[in-house]
């Protein structure tokens, strides 16, 4: 049976909503001040980008761990450009994966991203139906941690 998910958003004041997922987690949604809100929470369209970052990030780090890559830090940065007219969908989305670690193999990172894009990340698959979605990556070699001297 297909998994079902639920969410509810309840108006608190102005344009601010308390949103709750079926898992029980909550988040505040609000509009910018120029749109009648108080800028007191995430904008709904930002949440789409956050969802994409989390979805592809969880895929990629899981795959890199299976490939036994020595990742010491990882960030997913997402930039979305929206249409100028309503419904102001995302037209272009760029996802940058910044992987820090020891001797990270570029081929492993590229393959992990490819698998996320083509097989695993549902958020990317959905957003890719309306936006041109591009993934890039950078690998940063982690500095060696100096060894502490005993008795120093």
C-alpha atoms as a PDB file:
ATOM      1  CA  UNK A   1       0.000   0.000   0.000  1.00  0.00           C
ATOM      2  CA  UNK A   2       1.267   3.483  -0.877  1.00  0.00           C
ATOM      3  CA  UNK A   3       2.436   5.625   2.003  1.00  0.00           C
ATOM      4  CA  UNK A   4       0.162   8.520   2.829  1.00  0.00           C
ATOM      5  CA  UNK A   5       1.283  11.678   4.553  1.00  0.00           C
ATOM      6  CA  UNK A   6      -0.780  14.400   6.120  1.00  0.00           C
ATOM      7  CA  UNK A   7      -0.239  18.045   6.965  1.00  0.00           C
ATOM      8  CA  UNK A   8      -2.370  20.811   8.392  1.00  0.00           C
ATOM      9  CA  UNK A   9      -1.876  24.569   8.549  1.00  0.00           C
ATOM     10  CA  UNK A  10      -3.921  26.592  11.042  1.00  0.00           C
ATOM     11  CA  UNK A  11      -4.168  30.378  10.843  1.00  0.00           C
ATOM     12  CA  UNK A  12      -2.782  32.090  13.956  1.00  0.00           C
ATOM     13  CA  UNK A  13      -2.886  35.789  12.987  1.00  0.00           C
ATOM     14  CA  UNK A  14      -2.337  37.966   9.935  1.00  0.00           C
ATOM     15  CA  UNK A  15      -0.697  35.639   7.405  1.00  0.00           C
ATOM     16  CA  UNK A  16       1.016  33.433  10.030  1.00  0.00           C
ATOM     17  CA  UNK A  17       0.086  29.738  10.111  1.00  0.00           C
ATOM     18  CA  UNK A  18       1.124  26.981  12.501  1.00  0.00           C
ATOM     19  CA  UNK A  19       1.793  23.986  10.262  1.00  0.00           C
ATOM     20  CA  UNK A  20       1.903  20.439  11.583  1.00  0.00           C
ATOM     21  CA  UNK A  21       2.802  17.235   9.808  1.00  0.00           C
ATOM     22  CA  UNK A  22       1.264  13.862  10.543  1.00  0.00           C
ATOM     23  CA  UNK A  23       4.537  12.982  12.299  1.00  0.00           C
ATOM     24  CA  UNK A  24       3.745  15.666  14.877  1.00  0.00           C
ATOM     25  CA  UNK A  25       6.503  18.073  13.875  1.00  0.00           C
ATOM     26  CA  UNK A  26       5.551  21.728  13.648  1.00  0.00           C
ATOM     27  CA  UNK A  27       6.786  24.823  11.855  1.00  0.00           C
ATOM     28  CA  UNK A  28       5.624  28.431  11.538  1.00  0.00           C
ATOM     29  CA  UNK A  29       4.770  29.683   8.047  1.00  0.00           C
ATOM     30  CA  UNK A  30       4.405  33.388   7.345  1.00  0.00           C
ATOM     31  CA  UNK A  31       4.552  35.905   4.531  1.00  0.00           C
ATOM     32  CA  UNK A  32       6.983  38.768   4.093  1.00  0.00           C
ATOM     33  CA  UNK A  33       5.935  42.116   5.520  1.00  0.00           C
ATOM     34  CA  UNK A  34       5.299  43.539   2.035  1.00  0.00           C
ATOM     35  CA  UNK A  35       2.806  40.698   1.496  1.00  0.00           C
ATOM     36  CA  UNK A  36       0.859  41.272   4.714  1.00  0.00           C
ATOM     37  CA  UNK A  37       2.860  39.018   7.004  1.00  0.00           C
ATOM     38  CA  UNK A  38       5.246  39.641   9.865  1.00  0.00           C
ATOM     39  CA  UNK A  39       8.125  37.578   8.435  1.00  0.00           C
ATOM     40  CA  UNK A  40       7.833  35.379  11.543  1.00  0.00           C
ATOM     41  CA  UNK A  41       8.444  32.034   9.869  1.00  0.00           C
ATOM     42  CA  UNK A  42       9.314  30.163   6.715  1.00  0.00           C
ATOM     43  CA  UNK A  43       7.584  31.182   3.532  1.00  0.00           C
ATOM     44  CA  UNK A  44       5.810  28.190   1.958  1.00  0.00           C
ATOM     45  CA  UNK A  45       7.941  28.321  -1.202  1.00  0.00           C
ATOM     46  CA  UNK A  46      11.101  28.319   0.942  1.00  0.00           C
ATOM     47  CA  UNK A  47       9.884  25.078   2.482  1.00  0.00           C
ATOM     48  CA  UNK A  48       9.928  23.482  -0.978  1.00  0.00           C
ATOM     49  CA  UNK A  49      13.622  24.336  -1.282  1.00  0.00           C
ATOM     50  CA  UNK A  50      14.281  23.133   2.271  1.00  0.00           C
ATOM     51  CA  UNK A  51      12.499  19.874   1.436  1.00  0.00           C
ATOM     52  CA  UNK A  52      14.634  19.428  -1.674  1.00  0.00           C
ATOM     53  CA  UNK A  53      17.843  20.116   0.271  1.00  0.00           C
ATOM     54  CA  UNK A  54      16.904  17.582   2.939  1.00  0.00           C
ATOM     55  CA  UNK A  55      15.686  14.957   0.481  1.00  0.00           C
ATOM     56  CA  UNK A  56      18.747  14.962  -1.772  1.00  0.00           C
ATOM     57  CA  UNK A  57      21.086  15.514   1.184  1.00  0.00           C
ATOM     58  CA  UNK A  58      19.841  12.408   2.989  1.00  0.00           C
ATOM     59  CA  UNK A  59      20.222  10.379  -0.203  1.00  0.00           C
ATOM     60  CA  UNK A  60      23.728  11.598  -0.972  1.00  0.00           C
ATOM     61  CA  UNK A  61      25.168  11.224   2.533  1.00  0.00           C
ATOM     62  CA  UNK A  62      23.672   7.754   2.842  1.00  0.00           C
ATOM     63  CA  UNK A  63      25.237   6.685  -0.454  1.00  0.00           C
ATOM     64  CA  UNK A  64      28.616   8.243   0.402  1.00  0.00           C
ATOM     65  CA  UNK A  65      28.637   6.383   3.720  1.00  0.00           C
ATOM     66  CA  UNK A  66      27.889   3.105   1.921  1.00  0.00           C
ATOM     67  CA  UNK A  67      30.791   3.893  -0.392  1.00  0.00           C
ATOM     68  CA  UNK A  68      32.946   4.339   2.732  1.00  0.00           C
ATOM     69  CA  UNK A  69      33.857   7.935   1.954  1.00  0.00           C
ATOM     70  CA  UNK A  70      35.423   9.753   4.928  1.00  0.00           C
ATOM     71  CA  UNK A  71      32.973  12.685   5.054  1.00  0.00           C
ATOM     72  CA  UNK A  72      33.541  15.088   7.947  1.00  0.00           C
ATOM     73  CA  UNK A  73      31.092  17.783   6.837  1.00  0.00           C
ATOM     74  CA  UNK A  74      28.335  18.178   4.284  1.00  0.00           C
ATOM     75  CA  UNK A  75      26.054  21.044   3.276  1.00  0.00           C
ATOM     76  CA  UNK A  76      23.401  21.320   0.575  1.00  0.00           C
ATOM     77  CA  UNK A  77      22.777  24.838  -0.716  1.00  0.00           C
ATOM     78  CA  UNK A  78      19.724  25.472  -2.888  1.00  0.00           C
ATOM     79  CA  UNK A  79      19.005  28.573  -4.966  1.00  0.00           C
ATOM     80  CA  UNK A  80      15.595  28.866  -6.593  1.00  0.00           C
ATOM     81  CA  UNK A  81      14.525  31.482  -9.141  1.00  0.00           C
ATOM     82  CA  UNK A  82      10.791  32.048  -9.422  1.00  0.00           C
ATOM     83  CA  UNK A  83       8.668  33.238 -12.319  1.00  0.00           C
ATOM     84  CA  UNK A  84       7.680  36.898 -12.207  1.00  0.00           C
ATOM     85  CA  UNK A  85       3.964  36.220 -12.723  1.00  0.00           C
ATOM     86  CA  UNK A  86       1.512  34.129 -10.722  1.00  0.00           C
ATOM     87  CA  UNK A  87       1.607  31.366  -9.712  1.00  0.00           C
ATOM     88  CA  UNK A  88       5.323  32.273  -9.466  1.00  0.00           C
ATOM     89  CA  UNK A  89       6.600  28.702  -9.688  1.00  0.00           C
ATOM     90  CA  UNK A  90      10.309  27.947  -9.519  1.00  0.00           C
ATOM     91  CA  UNK A  91      11.710  28.069 -13.048  1.00  0.00           C
ATOM     92  CA  UNK A  92      15.359  27.360 -12.212  1.00  0.00           C
ATOM     93  CA  UNK A  93      16.765  25.580  -9.166  1.00  0.00           C
ATOM     94  CA  UNK A  94      20.468  25.041  -8.530  1.00  0.00           C
ATOM     95  CA  UNK A  95      21.571  22.586  -5.859  1.00  0.00           C
ATOM     96  CA  UNK A  96      25.172  22.777  -4.651  1.00  0.00           C
ATOM     97  CA  UNK A  97      26.555  19.889  -2.607  1.00  0.00           C
ATOM     98  CA  UNK A  98      29.594  20.883  -0.523  1.00  0.00           C
ATOM     99  CA  UNK A  99      31.350  17.767   0.756  1.00  0.00           C
ATOM    100  CA  UNK A 100      34.227  18.055   3.213  1.00  0.00           C
ATOM    101  CA  UNK A 101      36.357  15.085   4.170  1.00  0.00           C
ATOM    102  CA  UNK A 102      39.540  13.099   3.750  1.00  0.00           C
ATOM    103  CA  UNK A 103      40.399  11.853   0.257  1.00  0.00           C
ATOM    104  CA  UNK A 104      36.794  12.081  -1.011  1.00  0.00           C
ATOM    105  CA  UNK A 105      36.491  10.553  -4.478  1.00  0.00           C
ATOM    106  CA  UNK A 106      34.855  12.888  -7.016  1.00  0.00           C
ATOM    107  CA  UNK A 107      33.377   9.871  -8.840  1.00  0.00           C
ATOM    108  CA  UNK A 108      31.636   8.727  -5.644  1.00  0.00           C
ATOM    109  CA  UNK A 109      30.100  12.169  -5.087  1.00  0.00           C
ATOM    110  CA  UNK A 110      28.970  12.469  -8.717  1.00  0.00           C
ATOM    111  CA  UNK A 111      27.405   9.003  -8.632  1.00  0.00           C
ATOM    112  CA  UNK A 112      25.641   9.661  -5.309  1.00  0.00           C
ATOM    113  CA  UNK A 113      24.136  12.859  -6.712  1.00  0.00           C
ATOM    114  CA  UNK A 114      23.127  11.098  -9.924  1.00  0.00           C
ATOM    115  CA  UNK A 115      21.347   8.355  -7.971  1.00  0.00           C
ATOM    116  CA  UNK A 116      19.542  10.928  -5.850  1.00  0.00           C
ATOM    117  CA  UNK A 117      18.471  12.833  -8.993  1.00  0.00           C
ATOM    118  CA  UNK A 118      17.368   9.872 -11.059  1.00  0.00           C
ATOM    119  CA  UNK A 119      16.169   7.295  -8.567  1.00  0.00           C
ATOM    120  CA  UNK A 120      15.618   8.359  -4.971  1.00  0.00           C
ATOM    121  CA  UNK A 121      14.691  12.003  -4.307  1.00  0.00           C
ATOM    122  CA  UNK A 122      10.953  12.480  -4.724  1.00  0.00           C
ATOM    123  CA  UNK A 123      11.181  16.205  -3.976  1.00  0.00           C
ATOM    124  CA  UNK A 124      13.627  16.692  -6.831  1.00  0.00           C
ATOM    125  CA  UNK A 125      11.532  14.579  -9.178  1.00  0.00           C
ATOM    126  CA  UNK A 126       8.457  16.712  -8.452  1.00  0.00           C
ATOM    127  CA  UNK A 127      10.195  20.095  -8.622  1.00  0.00           C
ATOM    128  CA  UNK A 128      12.005  19.001 -11.776  1.00  0.00           C
ATOM    129  CA  UNK A 129       8.636  18.755 -13.542  1.00  0.00           C
ATOM    130  CA  UNK A 130       8.347  22.565 -13.574  1.00  0.00           C
ATOM    131  CA  UNK A 131      11.870  23.864 -12.936  1.00  0.00           C
ATOM    132  CA  UNK A 132      15.185  23.338 -14.651  1.00  0.00           C
ATOM    133  CA  UNK A 133      17.054  21.535 -11.851  1.00  0.00           C
ATOM    134  CA  UNK A 134      20.866  21.492 -11.793  1.00  0.00           C
ATOM    135  CA  UNK A 135      23.174  19.815  -9.273  1.00  0.00           C
ATOM    136  CA  UNK A 136      26.786  20.850  -8.734  1.00  0.00           C
ATOM    137  CA  UNK A 137      29.323  19.798  -6.132  1.00  0.00           C
ATOM    138  CA  UNK A 138      32.514  20.937  -4.459  1.00  0.00           C
ATOM    139  CA  UNK A 139      34.875  18.775  -2.471  1.00  0.00           C
ATOM    140  CA  UNK A 140      36.921  20.350   0.307  1.00  0.00           C
ATOM    141  CA  UNK A 141      39.845  18.412   1.744  1.00  0.00           C
ATOM    142  CA  UNK A 142      39.537  18.416   5.535  1.00  0.00           C
ATOM    143  CA  UNK A 143      42.500  19.665   7.497  1.00  0.00           C
ATOM    144  CA  UNK A 144      44.288  17.037   9.523  1.00  0.00           C
ATOM    145  CA  UNK A 145      43.583  17.315  13.226  1.00  0.00           C
ATOM    146  CA  UNK A 146      46.809  17.841  15.144  1.00  0.00           C
ATOM    147  CA  UNK A 147      47.591  15.066  17.588  1.00  0.00           C
ATOM    148  CA  UNK A 148      47.625  16.195  21.222  1.00  0.00           C
ATOM    149  CA  UNK A 149      50.883  15.527  23.013  1.00  0.00           C
ATOM    150  CA  UNK A 150      50.605  13.575  26.219  1.00  0.00           C
ATOM    151  CA  UNK A 151      51.958  15.502  29.188  1.00  0.00           C
ATOM    152  CA  UNK A 152      52.217  18.795  27.323  1.00  0.00           C
END
